Amino acid sequence: TRSKEVSSGMKTMAGAVVTASSAGPTDNVSVTGATVLKMDTSSNNVTIGGLAGGVAGQLLFVVKTNTSNSAILENIEGGGSQDIKLLSGADETITTFGGWMLVCDGSNWFALGK
């Protein structure tokens, strides 16, 4: 699911909002033009091993928006077009609300915080 928002009052523009679910794909989730990736864990755990379509300098907020099940990011999983490199050096899980902030270098995504 994609949406775009433009705020004319403040002259700011947010990129697309993309939703990932357990239906997949989980290793090449397209984030082309996105600034937010919502993880829909309402029916099951959602695991993301890699992203696709990121460009150098792109910021991405990965957000778990409900308390059902878990949101999991895999550290350097190797199956995706663009690997995710997490601060812990290991896979990370969120079981309640929260998320990650990532930045792309054009080839990989690096966590700036959780």
N, C-alpha and C. Protein backbone atom coordinates (compact mmCIF):
# COMPACT_ATOMS: atom_id res chain seq x y z
N THR A 1 0.84 -1.16 0.00
CA THR A 1 0.00 0.00 0.00
C THR A 1 0.89 1.23 0.00
N ARG A 2 0.58 2.20 -0.86
CA ARG A 2 1.39 3.41 -0.93
C ARG A 2 0.48 4.63 -0.81
N SER A 3 0.99 5.67 -0.15
CA SER A 3 0.27 6.93 -0.10
C SER A 3 1.29 8.05 -0.08
N LYS A 4 0.92 9.21 -0.55
CA LYS A 4 1.80 10.38 -0.51
C LYS A 4 1.07 11.49 0.22
N GLU A 5 1.82 12.25 1.01
CA GLU A 5 1.23 13.36 1.73
C GLU A 5 2.01 14.62 1.41
N VAL A 6 1.29 15.70 1.20
CA VAL A 6 1.92 17.00 0.97
C VAL A 6 1.25 18.00 1.89
N SER A 7 2.05 18.76 2.63
CA SER A 7 1.53 19.78 3.51
C SER A 7 1.86 21.13 2.90
N SER A 8 0.87 21.80 2.31
CA SER A 8 1.14 23.08 1.66
C SER A 8 1.39 24.20 2.66
N GLY A 9 0.81 24.09 3.86
CA GLY A 9 0.99 25.12 4.87
C GLY A 9 2.43 25.26 5.31
N MET A 10 3.11 24.14 5.53
CA MET A 10 4.50 24.18 5.98
C MET A 10 5.47 23.93 4.82
N LYS A 11 4.95 23.71 3.63
CA LYS A 11 5.77 23.46 2.44
C LYS A 11 6.72 22.30 2.63
N THR A 12 6.22 21.22 3.25
CA THR A 12 7.00 20.01 3.41
C THR A 12 6.32 18.88 2.67
N MET A 13 7.10 17.91 2.27
CA MET A 13 6.53 16.78 1.55
C MET A 13 7.11 15.49 2.12
N ALA A 14 6.26 14.55 2.44
CA ALA A 14 6.70 13.25 2.90
C ALA A 14 6.63 12.28 1.73
N GLY A 15 7.52 11.33 1.71
CA GLY A 15 7.51 10.31 0.66
C GLY A 15 6.41 9.30 0.90
N ALA A 16 6.45 8.26 0.12
CA ALA A 16 5.43 7.22 0.18
C ALA A 16 5.48 6.48 1.51
N VAL A 17 4.34 5.98 1.92
CA VAL A 17 4.23 5.09 3.07
C VAL A 17 3.98 3.70 2.49
N VAL A 18 4.87 2.75 2.81
CA VAL A 18 4.78 1.39 2.31
C VAL A 18 4.42 0.48 3.47
N THR A 19 3.59 -0.52 3.22
CA THR A 19 3.22 -1.47 4.27
C THR A 19 3.75 -2.86 3.93
N ALA A 20 4.41 -3.49 4.90
CA ALA A 20 4.90 -4.87 4.74
C ALA A 20 4.09 -5.76 5.66
N SER A 21 3.74 -6.94 5.16
CA SER A 21 3.01 -7.91 5.98
C SER A 21 3.69 -9.26 5.86
N SER A 22 3.17 -10.25 6.56
CA SER A 22 3.76 -11.58 6.52
C SER A 22 3.58 -12.24 5.16
N ALA A 23 2.73 -11.66 4.29
CA ALA A 23 2.51 -12.21 2.96
C ALA A 23 3.75 -12.05 2.07
N GLY A 24 4.65 -11.15 2.43
CA GLY A 24 5.91 -10.97 1.70
C GLY A 24 5.77 -10.05 0.51
N PRO A 25 6.83 -9.83 -0.28
CA PRO A 25 8.13 -10.48 -0.07
C PRO A 25 8.81 -9.95 1.18
N THR A 26 9.68 -10.76 1.76
CA THR A 26 10.34 -10.32 2.98
C THR A 26 11.82 -10.01 2.78
N ASP A 27 12.40 -10.39 1.65
CA ASP A 27 13.82 -10.14 1.42
C ASP A 27 14.07 -9.01 0.43
N ASN A 28 13.06 -8.56 -0.28
CA ASN A 28 13.21 -7.48 -1.24
C ASN A 28 12.02 -6.53 -1.17
N VAL A 29 11.72 -6.03 0.03
CA VAL A 29 10.60 -5.13 0.21
C VAL A 29 10.94 -3.81 -0.50
N SER A 30 10.12 -3.42 -1.46
CA SER A 30 10.38 -2.20 -2.22
C SER A 30 10.09 -0.98 -1.37
N VAL A 31 11.10 -0.11 -1.26
CA VAL A 31 10.95 1.14 -0.53
C VAL A 31 11.27 2.33 -1.45
N THR A 32 11.06 2.13 -2.74
CA THR A 32 11.30 3.18 -3.71
C THR A 32 10.47 4.41 -3.37
N GLY A 33 11.12 5.53 -3.12
CA GLY A 33 10.44 6.78 -2.78
C GLY A 33 9.79 6.83 -1.42
N ALA A 34 10.01 5.82 -0.59
CA ALA A 34 9.33 5.75 0.71
C ALA A 34 10.14 6.43 1.81
N THR A 35 9.43 6.98 2.79
CA THR A 35 10.07 7.47 4.01
C THR A 35 9.59 6.67 5.22
N VAL A 36 8.47 5.94 5.06
CA VAL A 36 7.93 5.13 6.16
C VAL A 36 7.60 3.74 5.64
N LEU A 37 8.05 2.73 6.38
CA LEU A 37 7.69 1.34 6.12
C LEU A 37 6.96 0.84 7.35
N LYS A 38 5.63 0.65 7.20
CA LYS A 38 4.81 0.15 8.31
C LYS A 38 4.82 -1.36 8.28
N MET A 39 5.10 -1.97 9.43
CA MET A 39 5.07 -3.43 9.54
C MET A 39 3.74 -3.85 10.13
N ASP A 40 2.91 -4.49 9.30
CA ASP A 40 1.57 -4.93 9.71
C ASP A 40 1.66 -6.31 10.34
N THR A 41 1.76 -6.33 11.66
CA THR A 41 1.89 -7.59 12.40
C THR A 41 0.55 -8.04 12.99
N SER A 42 -0.54 -7.51 12.48
CA SER A 42 -1.86 -7.81 13.06
C SER A 42 -2.24 -9.29 12.95
N SER A 43 -1.75 -10.00 11.92
CA SER A 43 -2.14 -11.40 11.75
C SER A 43 -1.01 -12.38 11.97
N ASN A 44 0.24 -11.90 12.01
CA ASN A 44 1.38 -12.80 12.16
C ASN A 44 2.65 -11.97 12.38
N ASN A 45 3.75 -12.64 12.73
CA ASN A 45 5.05 -11.97 12.79
C ASN A 45 5.42 -11.51 11.39
N VAL A 46 6.17 -10.41 11.29
CA VAL A 46 6.69 -9.93 10.02
C VAL A 46 8.20 -9.85 10.14
N THR A 47 8.89 -10.54 9.24
CA THR A 47 10.35 -10.55 9.21
C THR A 47 10.80 -9.94 7.90
N ILE A 48 11.72 -8.98 7.98
CA ILE A 48 12.28 -8.36 6.77
C ILE A 48 13.78 -8.60 6.76
N GLY A 49 14.25 -9.22 5.68
CA GLY A 49 15.66 -9.55 5.55
C GLY A 49 16.41 -8.63 4.62
N GLY A 50 15.71 -7.83 3.85
CA GLY A 50 16.38 -6.92 2.93
C GLY A 50 15.38 -6.00 2.26
N LEU A 51 15.90 -4.92 1.71
CA LEU A 51 15.05 -3.93 1.05
C LEU A 51 15.50 -3.78 -0.39
N ALA A 52 14.69 -3.12 -1.20
CA ALA A 52 15.00 -2.87 -2.61
C ALA A 52 14.56 -1.47 -2.98
N GLY A 53 15.31 -0.83 -3.88
CA GLY A 53 14.90 0.47 -4.40
C GLY A 53 15.39 1.67 -3.64
N GLY A 54 16.21 1.47 -2.62
CA GLY A 54 16.72 2.60 -1.85
C GLY A 54 17.81 3.34 -2.61
N VAL A 55 17.90 4.65 -2.37
CA VAL A 55 18.92 5.48 -3.00
C VAL A 55 19.79 6.14 -1.93
N ALA A 56 21.00 6.50 -2.30
CA ALA A 56 21.94 7.12 -1.36
C ALA A 56 21.32 8.34 -0.69
N GLY A 57 21.39 8.37 0.64
CA GLY A 57 20.85 9.48 1.42
C GLY A 57 19.41 9.32 1.84
N GLN A 58 18.72 8.31 1.35
CA GLN A 58 17.31 8.10 1.70
C GLN A 58 17.20 7.67 3.16
N LEU A 59 16.32 8.32 3.90
CA LEU A 59 16.00 7.93 5.27
C LEU A 59 14.72 7.13 5.26
N LEU A 60 14.65 6.10 6.09
CA LEU A 60 13.47 5.25 6.16
C LEU A 60 13.16 4.97 7.63
N PHE A 61 11.91 5.24 8.01
CA PHE A 61 11.43 4.94 9.34
C PHE A 61 10.62 3.65 9.25
N VAL A 62 11.09 2.60 9.91
CA VAL A 62 10.41 1.30 9.93
C VAL A 62 9.63 1.25 11.24
N VAL A 63 8.30 1.10 11.14
CA VAL A 63 7.43 1.28 12.30
C VAL A 63 6.50 0.08 12.50
N LYS A 64 6.48 -0.46 13.71
CA LYS A 64 5.50 -1.47 14.11
C LYS A 64 4.37 -0.71 14.77
N THR A 65 3.17 -0.83 14.20
CA THR A 65 2.07 0.04 14.62
C THR A 65 1.02 -0.61 15.51
N ASN A 66 1.21 -1.88 15.88
CA ASN A 66 0.27 -2.51 16.82
C ASN A 66 1.03 -3.48 17.71
N THR A 67 0.38 -3.99 18.75
CA THR A 67 1.06 -4.86 19.71
C THR A 67 0.94 -6.34 19.40
N SER A 68 0.19 -6.70 18.38
CA SER A 68 0.06 -8.12 18.02
C SER A 68 1.34 -8.62 17.38
N ASN A 69 1.80 -9.81 17.77
CA ASN A 69 2.94 -10.49 17.16
C ASN A 69 4.22 -9.66 17.20
N SER A 70 5.21 -10.01 16.38
CA SER A 70 6.52 -9.35 16.43
C SER A 70 6.95 -8.81 15.07
N ALA A 71 7.75 -7.74 15.11
CA ALA A 71 8.40 -7.19 13.93
C ALA A 71 9.88 -7.52 14.06
N ILE A 72 10.45 -8.11 13.00
CA ILE A 72 11.84 -8.58 13.05
C ILE A 72 12.60 -8.04 11.84
N LEU A 73 13.76 -7.43 12.09
CA LEU A 73 14.68 -7.07 11.02
C LEU A 73 15.87 -8.00 11.12
N GLU A 74 16.28 -8.57 9.97
CA GLU A 74 17.42 -9.47 9.94
C GLU A 74 18.69 -8.69 9.58
N ASN A 75 19.72 -8.86 10.37
CA ASN A 75 21.00 -8.19 10.16
C ASN A 75 21.80 -8.91 9.07
N ILE A 76 22.13 -8.19 8.01
CA ILE A 76 22.94 -8.70 6.89
C ILE A 76 22.47 -10.10 6.49
N GLU A 77 21.19 -10.24 6.18
CA GLU A 77 20.59 -11.52 5.85
C GLU A 77 21.13 -12.10 4.56
N GLY A 78 21.47 -11.25 3.59
CA GLY A 78 22.07 -11.72 2.35
C GLY A 78 21.10 -12.08 1.25
N GLY A 79 19.81 -12.19 1.55
CA GLY A 79 18.84 -12.56 0.53
C GLY A 79 18.23 -11.38 -0.20
N GLY A 80 18.39 -10.20 0.36
CA GLY A 80 17.77 -9.03 -0.23
C GLY A 80 18.68 -8.31 -1.20
N SER A 81 18.08 -7.44 -2.00
CA SER A 81 18.85 -6.62 -2.92
C SER A 81 19.75 -5.66 -2.15
N GLN A 82 19.23 -5.13 -1.03
CA GLN A 82 19.98 -4.20 -0.19
C GLN A 82 19.90 -4.70 1.25
N ASP A 83 21.05 -5.12 1.78
CA ASP A 83 21.09 -5.64 3.15
C ASP A 83 20.83 -4.55 4.17
N ILE A 84 20.37 -4.98 5.35
CA ILE A 84 20.14 -4.10 6.49
C ILE A 84 21.25 -4.40 7.50
N LYS A 85 21.95 -3.36 7.93
CA LYS A 85 23.04 -3.51 8.89
C LYS A 85 22.63 -2.82 10.19
N LEU A 86 22.35 -3.64 11.22
CA LEU A 86 21.82 -3.15 12.48
C LEU A 86 22.93 -2.84 13.49
N LEU A 87 22.66 -1.90 14.39
CA LEU A 87 23.65 -1.47 15.39
C LEU A 87 24.11 -2.62 16.29
N SER A 88 23.22 -3.55 16.59
CA SER A 88 23.55 -4.65 17.49
C SER A 88 24.42 -5.71 16.81
N GLY A 89 24.46 -5.70 15.48
CA GLY A 89 25.20 -6.73 14.75
C GLY A 89 24.46 -8.06 14.71
N ALA A 90 23.19 -8.05 15.11
CA ALA A 90 22.37 -9.27 15.15
C ALA A 90 20.94 -8.91 14.75
N ASP A 91 20.13 -9.93 14.46
CA ASP A 91 18.72 -9.71 14.17
C ASP A 91 18.08 -9.02 15.37
N GLU A 92 17.10 -8.14 15.11
CA GLU A 92 16.43 -7.42 16.18
C GLU A 92 14.92 -7.60 16.08
N THR A 93 14.27 -7.66 17.24
CA THR A 93 12.83 -7.90 17.33
C THR A 93 12.17 -6.82 18.18
N ILE A 94 10.99 -6.37 17.73
CA ILE A 94 10.15 -5.48 18.52
C ILE A 94 8.84 -6.21 18.76
N THR A 95 8.43 -6.28 20.03
CA THR A 95 7.20 -7.00 20.36
C THR A 95 6.04 -6.08 20.69
N THR A 96 6.31 -4.81 20.97
CA THR A 96 5.23 -3.86 21.27
C THR A 96 5.23 -2.80 20.17
N PHE A 97 5.22 -1.52 20.54
CA PHE A 97 5.31 -0.44 19.56
C PHE A 97 6.76 -0.03 19.39
N GLY A 98 7.06 0.60 18.28
CA GLY A 98 8.40 1.12 18.07
C GLY A 98 8.88 0.89 16.66
N GLY A 99 10.19 1.01 16.46
CA GLY A 99 10.73 0.80 15.13
C GLY A 99 12.20 1.16 15.04
N TRP A 100 12.64 1.34 13.81
CA TRP A 100 14.03 1.64 13.50
C TRP A 100 14.10 2.82 12.55
N MET A 101 15.21 3.55 12.59
CA MET A 101 15.49 4.58 11.60
C MET A 101 16.72 4.11 10.82
N LEU A 102 16.56 4.04 9.49
CA LEU A 102 17.62 3.54 8.62
C LEU A 102 18.01 4.60 7.60
N VAL A 103 19.26 4.54 7.13
CA VAL A 103 19.71 5.40 6.04
C VAL A 103 20.40 4.50 5.01
N CYS A 104 20.19 4.83 3.74
CA CYS A 104 20.73 4.04 2.64
C CYS A 104 21.97 4.72 2.06
N ASP A 105 22.96 3.91 1.68
CA ASP A 105 24.13 4.44 0.98
C ASP A 105 24.07 4.12 -0.51
N GLY A 106 22.93 3.62 -0.97
CA GLY A 106 22.75 3.25 -2.37
C GLY A 106 22.87 1.75 -2.58
N SER A 107 23.54 1.06 -1.65
CA SER A 107 23.72 -0.39 -1.75
C SER A 107 23.19 -1.13 -0.53
N ASN A 108 23.30 -0.52 0.64
CA ASN A 108 22.89 -1.13 1.90
C ASN A 108 22.16 -0.12 2.76
N TRP A 109 21.49 -0.63 3.80
CA TRP A 109 20.80 0.22 4.76
C TRP A 109 21.49 0.08 6.12
N PHE A 110 21.69 1.22 6.79
CA PHE A 110 22.38 1.24 8.08
C PHE A 110 21.44 1.82 9.14
N ALA A 111 21.34 1.13 10.28
CA ALA A 111 20.50 1.61 11.37
C ALA A 111 21.15 2.80 12.04
N LEU A 112 20.35 3.84 12.27
CA LEU A 112 20.80 5.01 13.02
C LEU A 112 20.30 4.95 14.45
N GLY A 113 19.29 4.12 14.67
CA GLY A 113 18.72 3.98 16.01
C GLY A 113 17.51 3.08 15.98
N LYS A 114 17.08 2.69 17.16
CA LYS A 114 15.92 1.82 17.32
C LYS A 114 14.95 2.51 18.23
